[in-house]
Amino acid sequence: MKTTRRHFLKVGGALASAFSLAPYFSKAATPATKPLVISTWNFGKAANVEAWKVLSTNGRALDAVELGVHVPEGDPTETSVGLGGLPDRDGRVTLDACIMDEFSNCGSVACLEHIVHPISVARKVMEKTPHVMLVGDGALQFALANGFKKENLLTAESEKAWKEWIKKSEYKPIANIENHDTIGMLALDMKQNLSGACTTSGMAYKMHGRVGDSPIIGAGLFVDNEIGAATSSGLGEEVIRIVGSHLVVELMRQGNSPQQACEIAVKRVVKNQPEKSKSIQVGFLAINKNGEYGAYALQKGFTYALYSNEIPNKVFEANSYYK
């Protein structure tokens, strides 16, 4: 058979296109067949238990992450999420949260007061409004109109800590001890669909009205059902600067593993803030459609909890840039 120049170029172009797309398609080549849930910090272990009840009964990843993060949101002893969260410098507990499903639907609330479960308000924003984010009093009025109960979120313990803080009003957060703030949770269900949730009371003793990365889609959380999902924790301002969670997912799209993607994102923070990065914490957590996962942080001490059939809810410490 005679091979014409046109035929040769056509075949060559098709092969080149196939090779250029190989990293993208490789992510979906061998999908996982079992569910997985992963979440930030030690309190993620209890949250994973609730999420697993949904996943292990063939439930949807979106329901799993919502119910999972309800656990720390409703725990008055957790001072960085929901009820019991440390207040801002005016003594007001303000909450931020976002949620995202397998269809790229997403909802968010920021600077929300008086509602124990902001993640569920965020889901209502996603499902019942044409918007992605509601903030402040508008978010509260929306929550009340949708049946949420107005409550006092400032516990006696958090109020005592705040009154002690205002004696000097020194704003010097310590990495991993105060202000790690966030639970981010990612889940892969039996239908191989991804969803994620992120919820926090924000930085303790922040300026009133401050919002970090946690409720911002692409910063504190991002889900792409073809590729993977990522979430973050730590100093939100630095995560926002690099649109961190979206960056991690896009790095996975380019062929990086979840672990590699998290490491590259952390190194981006170091590149942007070489001196500041030595004294702050930022951590990323990611999973892909294969059920592979990764975690990496600036400083030692960033932990995450993993629950799967093979690993029944165990806490791990992520590797870090600074040793």
C-alpha atoms as a PDB file:
ATOM      1  CA  MET A   1       0.000   0.000   0.000  1.00  0.00           C
ATOM      2  CA  LYS A   2       1.379   3.383  -0.983  1.00  0.00           C
ATOM      3  CA  THR A   3       1.686   5.848   1.893  1.00  0.00           C
ATOM      4  CA  THR A   4       1.075   9.409   0.803  1.00  0.00           C
ATOM      5  CA  ARG A   5       2.550  12.377   2.582  1.00  0.00           C
ATOM      6  CA  ARG A   6      -0.936  13.512   3.562  1.00  0.00           C
ATOM      7  CA  HIS A   7      -1.729  10.101   5.094  1.00  0.00           C
ATOM      8  CA  PHE A   8       1.569  10.103   6.986  1.00  0.00           C
ATOM      9  CA  LEU A   9       0.911  13.533   8.459  1.00  0.00           C
ATOM     10  CA  LYS A  10      -2.639  12.572   9.409  1.00  0.00           C
ATOM     11  CA  VAL A  11      -1.520   9.416  11.241  1.00  0.00           C
ATOM     12  CA  GLY A  12       1.373  11.231  12.867  1.00  0.00           C
ATOM     13  CA  GLY A  13      -0.890  14.007  14.109  1.00  0.00           C
ATOM     14  CA  ALA A  14      -3.337  11.548  15.599  1.00  0.00           C
ATOM     15  CA  LEU A  15      -0.561   9.741  17.429  1.00  0.00           C
ATOM     16  CA  ALA A  16       0.855  13.005  18.736  1.00  0.00           C
ATOM     17  CA  SER A  17      -2.560  14.026  20.040  1.00  0.00           C
ATOM     18  CA  ALA A  18      -2.998  10.679  21.762  1.00  0.00           C
ATOM     19  CA  PHE A  19       0.364  10.959  23.501  1.00  0.00           C
ATOM     20  CA  SER A  20      -0.321  14.549  24.585  1.00  0.00           C
ATOM     21  CA  LEU A  21      -3.577  13.460  26.224  1.00  0.00           C
ATOM     22  CA  ALA A  22      -2.117  10.330  27.793  1.00  0.00           C
ATOM     23  CA  PRO A  23      -1.575  11.863  31.278  1.00  0.00           C
ATOM     24  CA  TYR A  24      -5.210  13.041  31.321  1.00  0.00           C
ATOM     25  CA  PHE A  25      -6.709   9.712  30.317  1.00  0.00           C
ATOM     26  CA  SER A  26      -4.394   7.698  32.549  1.00  0.00           C
ATOM     27  CA  LYS A  27      -6.159   9.087  35.608  1.00  0.00           C
ATOM     28  CA  ALA A  28      -9.411   7.427  34.616  1.00  0.00           C
ATOM     29  CA  ALA A  29      -7.889   4.252  33.189  1.00  0.00           C
ATOM     30  CA  THR A  30      -8.130   2.162  36.339  1.00  0.00           C
ATOM     31  CA  PRO A  31     -10.782   3.737  38.569  1.00  0.00           C
ATOM     32  CA  ALA A  32     -11.125   2.706  42.168  1.00  0.00           C
ATOM     33  CA  THR A  33     -13.913   0.280  43.021  1.00  0.00           C
ATOM     34  CA  LYS A  34     -14.249   1.037  46.707  1.00  0.00           C
ATOM     35  CA  PRO A  35     -15.223   4.173  48.619  1.00  0.00           C
ATOM     36  CA  LEU A  36     -12.800   6.446  50.431  1.00  0.00           C
ATOM     37  CA  VAL A  37     -13.043   9.432  52.757  1.00  0.00           C
ATOM     38  CA  ILE A  38     -10.175  11.599  53.905  1.00  0.00           C
ATOM     39  CA  SER A  39     -10.188  14.683  56.112  1.00  0.00           C
ATOM     40  CA  THR A  40      -7.852  17.151  57.770  1.00  0.00           C
ATOM     41  CA  TRP A  41      -6.531  17.002  61.323  1.00  0.00           C
ATOM     42  CA  ASN A  42      -7.174  14.597  64.186  1.00  0.00           C
ATOM     43  CA  PHE A  43     -10.838  15.571  64.509  1.00  0.00           C
ATOM     44  CA  GLY A  44     -11.268  14.195  61.012  1.00  0.00           C
ATOM     45  CA  LYS A  45     -11.248  10.697  62.496  1.00  0.00           C
ATOM     46  CA  ALA A  46     -14.608  11.127  64.240  1.00  0.00           C
ATOM     47  CA  ALA A  47     -15.967  12.956  61.213  1.00  0.00           C
ATOM     48  CA  ASN A  48     -14.915  10.074  58.962  1.00  0.00           C
ATOM     49  CA  VAL A  49     -17.004   7.633  61.004  1.00  0.00           C
ATOM     50  CA  GLU A  50     -20.202   9.476  60.097  1.00  0.00           C
ATOM     51  CA  ALA A  51     -19.167   9.881  56.483  1.00  0.00           C
ATOM     52  CA  TRP A  52     -18.378   6.173  56.234  1.00  0.00           C
ATOM     53  CA  LYS A  53     -21.900   5.264  57.327  1.00  0.00           C
ATOM     54  CA  VAL A  54     -23.094   6.878  54.112  1.00  0.00           C
ATOM     55  CA  LEU A  55     -20.347   5.612  51.826  1.00  0.00           C
ATOM     56  CA  SER A  56     -20.436   2.017  53.069  1.00  0.00           C
ATOM     57  CA  THR A  57     -24.150   1.767  52.284  1.00  0.00           C
ATOM     58  CA  ASN A  58     -23.733   2.946  48.688  1.00  0.00           C
ATOM     59  CA  GLY A  59     -24.603   6.530  49.570  1.00  0.00           C
ATOM     60  CA  ARG A  60     -23.606   9.667  47.728  1.00  0.00           C
ATOM     61  CA  ALA A  61     -20.272  11.351  48.448  1.00  0.00           C
ATOM     62  CA  LEU A  62     -22.037  14.707  48.853  1.00  0.00           C
ATOM     63  CA  ASP A  63     -24.189  13.384  51.707  1.00  0.00           C
ATOM     64  CA  ALA A  64     -21.144  11.746  53.274  1.00  0.00           C
ATOM     65  CA  VAL A  65     -19.079  14.934  53.475  1.00  0.00           C
ATOM     66  CA  GLU A  66     -21.972  17.022  54.762  1.00  0.00           C
ATOM     67  CA  LEU A  67     -22.830  14.622  57.574  1.00  0.00           C
ATOM     68  CA  GLY A  68     -19.177  13.939  58.289  1.00  0.00           C
ATOM     69  CA  VAL A  69     -18.233  17.535  59.011  1.00  0.00           C
ATOM     70  CA  HIS A  70     -21.356  17.948  61.139  1.00  0.00           C
ATOM     71  CA  VAL A  71     -19.388  16.141  63.852  1.00  0.00           C
ATOM     72  CA  PRO A  72     -16.736  18.807  64.552  1.00  0.00           C
ATOM     73  CA  GLU A  73     -19.214  21.588  63.721  1.00  0.00           C
ATOM     74  CA  GLY A  74     -21.476  20.412  66.548  1.00  0.00           C
ATOM     75  CA  ASP A  75     -18.698  19.627  69.053  1.00  0.00           C
ATOM     76  CA  PRO A  76     -18.417  22.425  71.665  1.00  0.00           C
ATOM     77  CA  THR A  77     -14.911  21.277  72.607  1.00  0.00           C
ATOM     78  CA  GLU A  78     -13.537  21.972  69.116  1.00  0.00           C
ATOM     79  CA  THR A  79     -12.351  25.577  69.110  1.00  0.00           C
ATOM     80  CA  SER A  80     -11.706  25.942  65.389  1.00  0.00           C
ATOM     81  CA  VAL A  81     -14.973  24.702  63.846  1.00  0.00           C
ATOM     82  CA  GLY A  82     -18.641  25.520  64.457  1.00  0.00           C
ATOM     83  CA  LEU A  83     -20.086  25.519  67.964  1.00  0.00           C
ATOM     84  CA  GLY A  84     -17.306  26.352  70.417  1.00  0.00           C
ATOM     85  CA  GLY A  85     -15.176  28.090  67.823  1.00  0.00           C
ATOM     86  CA  LEU A  86     -12.956  30.854  69.163  1.00  0.00           C
ATOM     87  CA  PRO A  87     -14.432  34.270  68.380  1.00  0.00           C
ATOM     88  CA  ASP A  88     -13.075  37.248  66.497  1.00  0.00           C
ATOM     89  CA  ARG A  89     -11.520  40.119  68.447  1.00  0.00           C
ATOM     90  CA  ASP A  90     -15.001  41.562  69.049  1.00  0.00           C
ATOM     91  CA  GLY A  91     -16.129  38.355  70.745  1.00  0.00           C
ATOM     92  CA  ARG A  92     -18.328  37.197  67.851  1.00  0.00           C
ATOM     93  CA  VAL A  93     -18.178  33.652  66.483  1.00  0.00           C
ATOM     94  CA  THR A  94     -18.391  33.824  62.684  1.00  0.00           C
ATOM     95  CA  LEU A  95     -18.379  30.702  60.543  1.00  0.00           C
ATOM     96  CA  ASP A  96     -17.341  29.956  56.961  1.00  0.00           C
ATOM     97  CA  ALA A  97     -18.094  26.862  54.888  1.00  0.00           C
ATOM     98  CA  CYS A  98     -18.386  25.558  51.356  1.00  0.00           C
ATOM     99  CA  ILE A  99     -19.453  22.349  49.649  1.00  0.00           C
ATOM    100  CA  MET A 100     -19.031  21.023  46.089  1.00  0.00           C
ATOM    101  CA  ASP A 101     -20.449  17.985  44.310  1.00  0.00           C
ATOM    102  CA  GLU A 102     -19.616  15.792  41.319  1.00  0.00           C
ATOM    103  CA  PHE A 103     -21.467  18.080  38.886  1.00  0.00           C
ATOM    104  CA  SER A 104     -19.444  21.189  39.809  1.00  0.00           C
ATOM    105  CA  ASN A 105     -22.408  22.509  41.773  1.00  0.00           C
ATOM    106  CA  CYS A 106     -21.191  24.460  44.780  1.00  0.00           C
ATOM    107  CA  GLY A 107     -22.453  26.581  47.645  1.00  0.00           C
ATOM    108  CA  SER A 108     -20.795  28.729  50.280  1.00  0.00           C
ATOM    109  CA  VAL A 109     -21.423  30.918  53.305  1.00  0.00           C
ATOM    110  CA  ALA A 110     -19.061  33.346  54.981  1.00  0.00           C
ATOM    111  CA  CYS A 111     -19.115  35.373  58.184  1.00  0.00           C
ATOM    112  CA  LEU A 112     -22.256  33.500  59.256  1.00  0.00           C
ATOM    113  CA  GLU A 113     -23.288  33.839  62.917  1.00  0.00           C
ATOM    114  CA  HIS A 114     -25.627  31.839  65.174  1.00  0.00           C
ATOM    115  CA  ILE A 115     -25.902  28.670  63.032  1.00  0.00           C
ATOM    116  CA  VAL A 116     -24.226  25.474  64.265  1.00  0.00           C
ATOM    117  CA  HIS A 117     -23.963  23.767  60.866  1.00  0.00           C
ATOM    118  CA  PRO A 118     -22.852  26.279  58.221  1.00  0.00           C
ATOM    119  CA  ILE A 119     -22.030  23.416  55.839  1.00  0.00           C
ATOM    120  CA  SER A 120     -25.725  22.598  55.553  1.00  0.00           C
ATOM    121  CA  VAL A 121     -26.551  26.241  54.886  1.00  0.00           C
ATOM    122  CA  ALA A 122     -23.908  26.185  52.151  1.00  0.00           C
ATOM    123  CA  ARG A 123     -25.608  23.158  50.631  1.00  0.00           C
ATOM    124  CA  LYS A 124     -28.944  24.974  50.679  1.00  0.00           C
ATOM    125  CA  VAL A 125     -27.314  27.915  48.903  1.00  0.00           C
ATOM    126  CA  MET A 126     -26.085  25.456  46.265  1.00  0.00           C
ATOM    127  CA  GLU A 127     -29.430  23.732  45.834  1.00  0.00           C
ATOM    128  CA  LYS A 128     -31.985  26.505  46.320  1.00  0.00           C
ATOM    129  CA  THR A 129     -30.446  29.713  44.969  1.00  0.00           C
ATOM    130  CA  PRO A 130     -28.855  30.888  41.718  1.00  0.00           C
ATOM    131  CA  HIS A 131     -25.807  32.010  43.720  1.00  0.00           C
ATOM    132  CA  VAL A 132     -22.633  30.373  45.004  1.00  0.00           C
ATOM    133  CA  MET A 133     -21.956  32.470  48.117  1.00  0.00           C
ATOM    134  CA  LEU A 134     -24.013  34.312  50.731  1.00  0.00           C
ATOM    135  CA  VAL A 135     -22.351  36.302  53.511  1.00  0.00           C
ATOM    136  CA  GLY A 136     -23.045  37.923  56.847  1.00  0.00           C
ATOM    137  CA  ASP A 137     -26.587  38.913  57.694  1.00  0.00           C
ATOM    138  CA  GLY A 138     -27.824  37.810  54.280  1.00  0.00           C
ATOM    139  CA  ALA A 139     -26.545  34.305  54.937  1.00  0.00           C
ATOM    140  CA  LEU A 140     -28.175  34.299  58.377  1.00  0.00           C
ATOM    141  CA  GLN A 141     -31.546  35.450  57.068  1.00  0.00           C
ATOM    142  CA  PHE A 142     -31.398  32.779  54.369  1.00  0.00           C
ATOM    143  CA  ALA A 143     -30.591  30.130  56.980  1.00  0.00           C
ATOM    144  CA  LEU A 144     -33.465  31.173  59.242  1.00  0.00           C
ATOM    145  CA  ALA A 145     -35.863  31.249  56.292  1.00  0.00           C
ATOM    146  CA  ASN A 146     -34.874  27.657  55.534  1.00  0.00           C
ATOM    147  CA  GLY A 147     -35.557  26.319  58.993  1.00  0.00           C
ATOM    148  CA  PHE A 148     -32.184  26.584  60.699  1.00  0.00           C
ATOM    149  CA  LYS A 149     -32.243  27.448  64.391  1.00  0.00           C
ATOM    150  CA  LYS A 150     -30.544  30.562  65.751  1.00  0.00           C
ATOM    151  CA  GLU A 151     -28.201  29.668  68.622  1.00  0.00           C
ATOM    152  CA  ASN A 152     -25.438  31.173  70.740  1.00  0.00           C
ATOM    153  CA  LEU A 153     -22.177  29.689  69.469  1.00  0.00           C
ATOM    154  CA  LEU A 154     -19.878  31.278  72.047  1.00  0.00           C
ATOM    155  CA  THR A 155     -19.291  28.646  74.734  1.00  0.00           C
ATOM    156  CA  ALA A 156     -18.186  29.555  78.250  1.00  0.00           C
ATOM    157  CA  GLU A 157     -14.729  28.131  77.546  1.00  0.00           C
ATOM    158  CA  SER A 158     -14.247  30.117  74.342  1.00  0.00           C
ATOM    159  CA  GLU A 159     -15.541  33.282  75.978  1.00  0.00           C
ATOM    160  CA  LYS A 160     -13.072  32.834  78.833  1.00  0.00           C
ATOM    161  CA  ALA A 161     -10.195  32.372  76.383  1.00  0.00           C
ATOM    162  CA  TRP A 162     -11.253  35.485  74.453  1.00  0.00           C
ATOM    163  CA  LYS A 163     -11.452  37.631  77.604  1.00  0.00           C
ATOM    164  CA  GLU A 164      -7.977  36.477  78.530  1.00  0.00           C
ATOM    165  CA  TRP A 165      -6.713  37.321  75.044  1.00  0.00           C
ATOM    166  CA  ILE A 166      -8.109  40.875  75.019  1.00  0.00           C
ATOM    167  CA  LYS A 167      -6.033  41.778  78.093  1.00  0.00           C
ATOM    168  CA  LYS A 168      -3.035  42.139  75.757  1.00  0.00           C
ATOM    169  CA  SER A 169      -4.694  41.696  72.346  1.00  0.00           C
ATOM    170  CA  GLU A 170      -1.512  40.200  70.908  1.00  0.00           C
ATOM    171  CA  TYR A 171      -2.175  38.561  67.573  1.00  0.00           C
ATOM    172  CA  LYS A 172       0.535  35.925  67.299  1.00  0.00           C
ATOM    173  CA  PRO A 173      -0.923  32.659  66.018  1.00  0.00           C
ATOM    174  CA  ILE A 174       1.180  29.536  66.567  1.00  0.00           C
ATOM    175  CA  ALA A 175       1.231  26.966  63.764  1.00  0.00           C
ATOM    176  CA  ASN A 176      -0.623  23.732  64.597  1.00  0.00           C
ATOM    177  CA  ILE A 177      -1.551  24.965  68.078  1.00  0.00           C
ATOM    178  CA  GLU A 178      -4.095  27.631  67.258  1.00  0.00           C
ATOM    179  CA  ASN A 179      -5.570  28.775  63.995  1.00  0.00           C
ATOM    180  CA  HIS A 180      -5.223  25.632  61.936  1.00  0.00           C
ATOM    181  CA  ASP A 181      -8.963  26.138  61.954  1.00  0.00           C
ATOM    182  CA  THR A 182     -10.418  23.995  59.247  1.00  0.00           C
ATOM    183  CA  ILE A 183     -11.861  20.587  58.594  1.00  0.00           C
ATOM    184  CA  GLY A 184     -11.692  19.803  54.922  1.00  0.00           C
ATOM    185  CA  MET A 185     -13.216  16.477  53.842  1.00  0.00           C
ATOM    186  CA  LEU A 186     -13.055  14.695  50.489  1.00  0.00           C
ATOM    187  CA  ALA A 187     -14.973  11.561  49.548  1.00  0.00           C
ATOM    188  CA  LEU A 188     -15.144   9.080  46.682  1.00  0.00           C
ATOM    189  CA  ASP A 189     -18.295   6.961  46.650  1.00  0.00           C
ATOM    190  CA  MET A 190     -19.153   3.540  45.189  1.00  0.00           C
ATOM    191  CA  LYS A 191     -20.289   5.162  41.949  1.00  0.00           C
ATOM    192  CA  GLN A 192     -16.838   6.749  41.636  1.00  0.00           C
ATOM    193  CA  ASN A 193     -18.168  10.236  42.218  1.00  0.00           C
ATOM    194  CA  LEU A 194     -16.315  12.860  44.219  1.00  0.00           C
ATOM    195  CA  SER A 195     -17.527  15.566  46.585  1.00  0.00           C
ATOM    196  CA  GLY A 196     -15.938  17.787  49.208  1.00  0.00           C
ATOM    197  CA  ALA A 197     -16.743  20.007  52.179  1.00  0.00           C
ATOM    198  CA  CYS A 198     -14.784  22.602  54.112  1.00  0.00           C
ATOM    199  CA  THR A 199     -15.924  24.345  57.300  1.00  0.00           C
ATOM    200  CA  THR A 200     -14.312  26.551  59.950  1.00  0.00           C
ATOM    201  CA  SER A 201     -14.743  29.260  62.546  1.00  0.00           C
ATOM    202  CA  GLY A 202     -11.764  31.019  61.018  1.00  0.00           C
ATOM    203  CA  MET A 203      -8.702  32.427  62.696  1.00  0.00           C
ATOM    204  CA  ALA A 204      -9.123  33.054  66.392  1.00  0.00           C
ATOM    205  CA  TYR A 205      -9.296  36.740  67.299  1.00  0.00           C
ATOM    206  CA  LYS A 206      -9.373  37.826  63.650  1.00  0.00           C
ATOM    207  CA  MET A 207     -10.723  41.219  62.623  1.00  0.00           C
ATOM    208  CA  HIS A 208     -14.497  41.114  62.414  1.00  0.00           C
ATOM    209  CA  GLY A 209     -15.472  40.357  58.833  1.00  0.00           C
ATOM    210  CA  ARG A 210     -12.255  38.546  57.935  1.00  0.00           C
ATOM    211  CA  VAL A 211     -12.790  35.603  55.601  1.00  0.00           C
ATOM    212  CA  GLY A 212     -10.080  33.091  54.764  1.00  0.00           C
ATOM    213  CA  ASP A 213      -9.797  30.415  52.113  1.00  0.00           C
ATOM    214  CA  SER A 214     -12.224  27.893  53.607  1.00  0.00           C
ATOM    215  CA  PRO A 215     -15.488  29.093  51.960  1.00  0.00           C
ATOM    216  CA  ILE A 216     -13.860  30.080  48.673  1.00  0.00           C
ATOM    217  CA  ILE A 217     -14.287  27.567  45.873  1.00  0.00           C
ATOM    218  CA  GLY A 218     -10.883  26.985  44.312  1.00  0.00           C
ATOM    219  CA  ALA A 219      -8.985  28.098  47.399  1.00  0.00           C
ATOM    220  CA  GLY A 220     -10.164  26.040  50.370  1.00  0.00           C
ATOM    221  CA  LEU A 221     -11.900  23.375  48.269  1.00  0.00           C
ATOM    222  CA  PHE A 222     -12.166  22.245  44.677  1.00  0.00           C
ATOM    223  CA  VAL A 223     -13.734  19.175  43.059  1.00  0.00           C
ATOM    224  CA  ASP A 224     -13.395  18.058  39.438  1.00  0.00           C
ATOM    225  CA  ASN A 225     -15.165  14.742  39.021  1.00  0.00           C
ATOM    226  CA  GLU A 226     -13.036  13.787  36.012  1.00  0.00           C
ATOM    227  CA  ILE A 227      -9.759  14.288  37.859  1.00  0.00           C
ATOM    228  CA  GLY A 228      -9.850  14.594  41.640  1.00  0.00           C
ATOM    229  CA  ALA A 229     -10.483  16.844  44.613  1.00  0.00           C
ATOM    230  CA  ALA A 230      -8.421  18.902  47.024  1.00  0.00           C
ATOM    231  CA  THR A 231      -8.820  20.869  50.227  1.00  0.00           C
ATOM    232  CA  SER A 232      -6.560  22.963  52.420  1.00  0.00           C
ATOM    233  CA  SER A 233      -5.931  24.083  55.954  1.00  0.00           C
ATOM    234  CA  GLY A 234      -3.722  26.647  57.611  1.00  0.00           C
ATOM    235  CA  LEU A 235      -3.263  30.358  56.968  1.00  0.00           C
ATOM    236  CA  GLY A 236      -6.012  31.050  54.472  1.00  0.00           C
ATOM    237  CA  GLU A 237      -4.523  34.243  53.072  1.00  0.00           C
ATOM    238  CA  GLU A 238      -1.591  32.295  51.636  1.00  0.00           C
ATOM    239  CA  VAL A 239      -3.875  29.632  50.158  1.00  0.00           C
ATOM    240  CA  ILE A 240      -5.981  32.314  48.478  1.00  0.00           C
ATOM    241  CA  ARG A 241      -2.880  33.874  46.909  1.00  0.00           C
ATOM    242  CA  ILE A 242      -2.208  30.702  44.915  1.00  0.00           C
ATOM    243  CA  VAL A 243      -5.845  29.525  44.565  1.00  0.00           C
ATOM    244  CA  GLY A 244      -4.473  26.439  46.269  1.00  0.00           C
ATOM    245  CA  SER A 245      -7.047  23.683  45.943  1.00  0.00           C
ATOM    246  CA  HIS A 246      -7.743  24.461  42.293  1.00  0.00           C
ATOM    247  CA  LEU A 247      -3.993  24.455  41.701  1.00  0.00           C
ATOM    248  CA  VAL A 248      -3.668  20.991  43.237  1.00  0.00           C
ATOM    249  CA  VAL A 249      -6.447  19.585  41.047  1.00  0.00           C
ATOM    250  CA  GLU A 250      -4.982  21.153  37.912  1.00  0.00           C
ATOM    251  CA  LEU A 251      -1.582  19.673  38.763  1.00  0.00           C
ATOM    252  CA  MET A 252      -3.242  16.264  38.972  1.00  0.00           C
ATOM    253  CA  ARG A 253      -4.839  16.936  35.578  1.00  0.00           C
ATOM    254  CA  GLN A 254      -1.328  17.444  34.201  1.00  0.00           C
ATOM    255  CA  GLY A 255      -0.330  13.961  35.316  1.00  0.00           C
ATOM    256  CA  ASN A 256       0.938  14.501  38.863  1.00  0.00           C
ATOM    257  CA  SER A 257      -0.119  12.155  41.644  1.00  0.00           C
ATOM    258  CA  PRO A 258      -2.108  13.650  44.534  1.00  0.00           C
ATOM    259  CA  GLN A 259       1.068  13.572  46.641  1.00  0.00           C
ATOM    260  CA  GLN A 260       3.142  15.339  44.000  1.00  0.00           C
ATOM    261  CA  ALA A 261       0.422  17.924  43.439  1.00  0.00           C
ATOM    262  CA  CYS A 262       0.229  18.785  47.142  1.00  0.00           C
ATOM    263  CA  GLU A 263       4.005  19.134  47.336  1.00  0.00           C
ATOM    264  CA  ILE A 264       4.179  21.446  44.325  1.00  0.00           C
ATOM    265  CA  ALA A 265       1.428  23.649  45.769  1.00  0.00           C
ATOM    266  CA  VAL A 266       3.208  23.975  49.122  1.00  0.00           C
ATOM    267  CA  LYS A 267       6.432  24.885  47.333  1.00  0.00           C
ATOM    268  CA  ARG A 268       4.510  27.598  45.499  1.00  0.00           C
ATOM    269  CA  VAL A 269       3.647  29.117  48.893  1.00  0.00           C
ATOM    270  CA  VAL A 270       7.331  29.015  49.847  1.00  0.00           C
ATOM    271  CA  LYS A 271       8.312  30.680  46.577  1.00  0.00           C
ATOM    272  CA  ASN A 272       5.757  33.453  47.104  1.00  0.00           C
ATOM    273  CA  GLN A 273       6.552  34.022  50.790  1.00  0.00           C
ATOM    274  CA  PRO A 274      10.066  32.645  51.496  1.00  0.00           C
ATOM    275  CA  GLU A 275      10.469  34.239  54.924  1.00  0.00           C
ATOM    276  CA  LYS A 276       6.877  34.210  56.092  1.00  0.00           C
ATOM    277  CA  SER A 277       6.487  30.537  55.160  1.00  0.00           C
ATOM    278  CA  LYS A 278       8.986  29.573  57.863  1.00  0.00           C
ATOM    279  CA  SER A 279       6.603  30.509  60.664  1.00  0.00           C
ATOM    280  CA  ILE A 280       3.137  29.705  59.306  1.00  0.00           C
ATOM    281  CA  GLN A 281       1.281  26.522  58.454  1.00  0.00           C
ATOM    282  CA  VAL A 282      -0.374  25.619  55.182  1.00  0.00           C
ATOM    283  CA  GLY A 283      -1.344  22.069  54.281  1.00  0.00           C
ATOM    284  CA  PHE A 284      -3.058  20.428  51.323  1.00  0.00           C
ATOM    285  CA  LEU A 285      -4.978  17.175  51.052  1.00  0.00           C
ATOM    286  CA  ALA A 286      -5.994  15.544  47.764  1.00  0.00           C
ATOM    287  CA  ILE A 287      -7.509  12.435  46.193  1.00  0.00           C
ATOM    288  CA  ASN A 288      -7.949  11.381  42.581  1.00  0.00           C
ATOM    289  CA  LYS A 289     -10.441   9.200  40.738  1.00  0.00           C
ATOM    290  CA  ASN A 290      -8.241   6.143  41.301  1.00  0.00           C
ATOM    291  CA  GLY A 291      -8.637   6.495  45.058  1.00  0.00           C
ATOM    292  CA  GLU A 292      -5.014   7.604  45.399  1.00  0.00           C
ATOM    293  CA  TYR A 293      -4.395  10.302  48.000  1.00  0.00           C
ATOM    294  CA  GLY A 294      -1.714  12.691  49.139  1.00  0.00           C
ATOM    295  CA  ALA A 295      -0.960  15.302  51.791  1.00  0.00           C
ATOM    296  CA  TYR A 296       1.818  17.806  52.344  1.00  0.00           C
ATOM    297  CA  ALA A 297       2.386  20.855  54.539  1.00  0.00           C
ATOM    298  CA  LEU A 298       4.828  23.642  55.261  1.00  0.00           C
ATOM    299  CA  GLN A 299       5.499  22.559  58.850  1.00  0.00           C
ATOM    300  CA  LYS A 300       5.559  19.278  60.701  1.00  0.00           C
ATOM    301  CA  GLY A 301       2.367  18.431  62.576  1.00  0.00           C
ATOM    302  CA  PHE A 302      -0.254  18.524  59.822  1.00  0.00           C
ATOM    303  CA  THR A 303      -2.362  15.403  60.301  1.00  0.00           C
ATOM    304  CA  TYR A 304      -5.147  13.807  58.318  1.00  0.00           C
ATOM    305  CA  ALA A 305      -7.550  10.910  58.808  1.00  0.00           C
ATOM    306  CA  LEU A 306      -8.229   8.252  56.181  1.00  0.00           C
ATOM    307  CA  TYR A 307     -11.064   5.717  56.079  1.00  0.00           C
ATOM    308  CA  SER A 308     -11.361   2.995  53.447  1.00  0.00           C
ATOM    309  CA  ASN A 309     -11.962  -0.746  53.364  1.00  0.00           C
ATOM    310  CA  GLU A 310      -8.211  -1.295  53.492  1.00  0.00           C
ATOM    311  CA  ILE A 311      -7.471   1.388  56.103  1.00  0.00           C
ATOM    312  CA  PRO A 312     -10.283   1.527  58.664  1.00  0.00           C
ATOM    313  CA  ASN A 313      -9.965   5.117  59.908  1.00  0.00           C
ATOM    314  CA  LYS A 314      -6.391   5.914  60.821  1.00  0.00           C
ATOM    315  CA  VAL A 315      -4.669   9.252  61.482  1.00  0.00           C
ATOM    316  CA  PHE A 316      -1.434  10.008  59.649  1.00  0.00           C
ATOM    317  CA  GLU A 317       1.031  12.874  59.800  1.00  0.00           C
ATOM    318  CA  ALA A 318       1.825  14.443  56.452  1.00  0.00           C
ATOM    319  CA  ASN A 319       5.349  15.050  55.270  1.00  0.00           C
ATOM    320  CA  SER A 320       6.431  18.671  55.372  1.00  0.00           C
ATOM    321  CA  TYR A 321       8.674  21.139  53.551  1.00  0.00           C
ATOM    322  CA  TYR A 322      10.375  22.318  56.710  1.00  0.00           C
ATOM    323  CA  LYS A 323      11.740  19.414  58.716  1.00  0.00           C
END
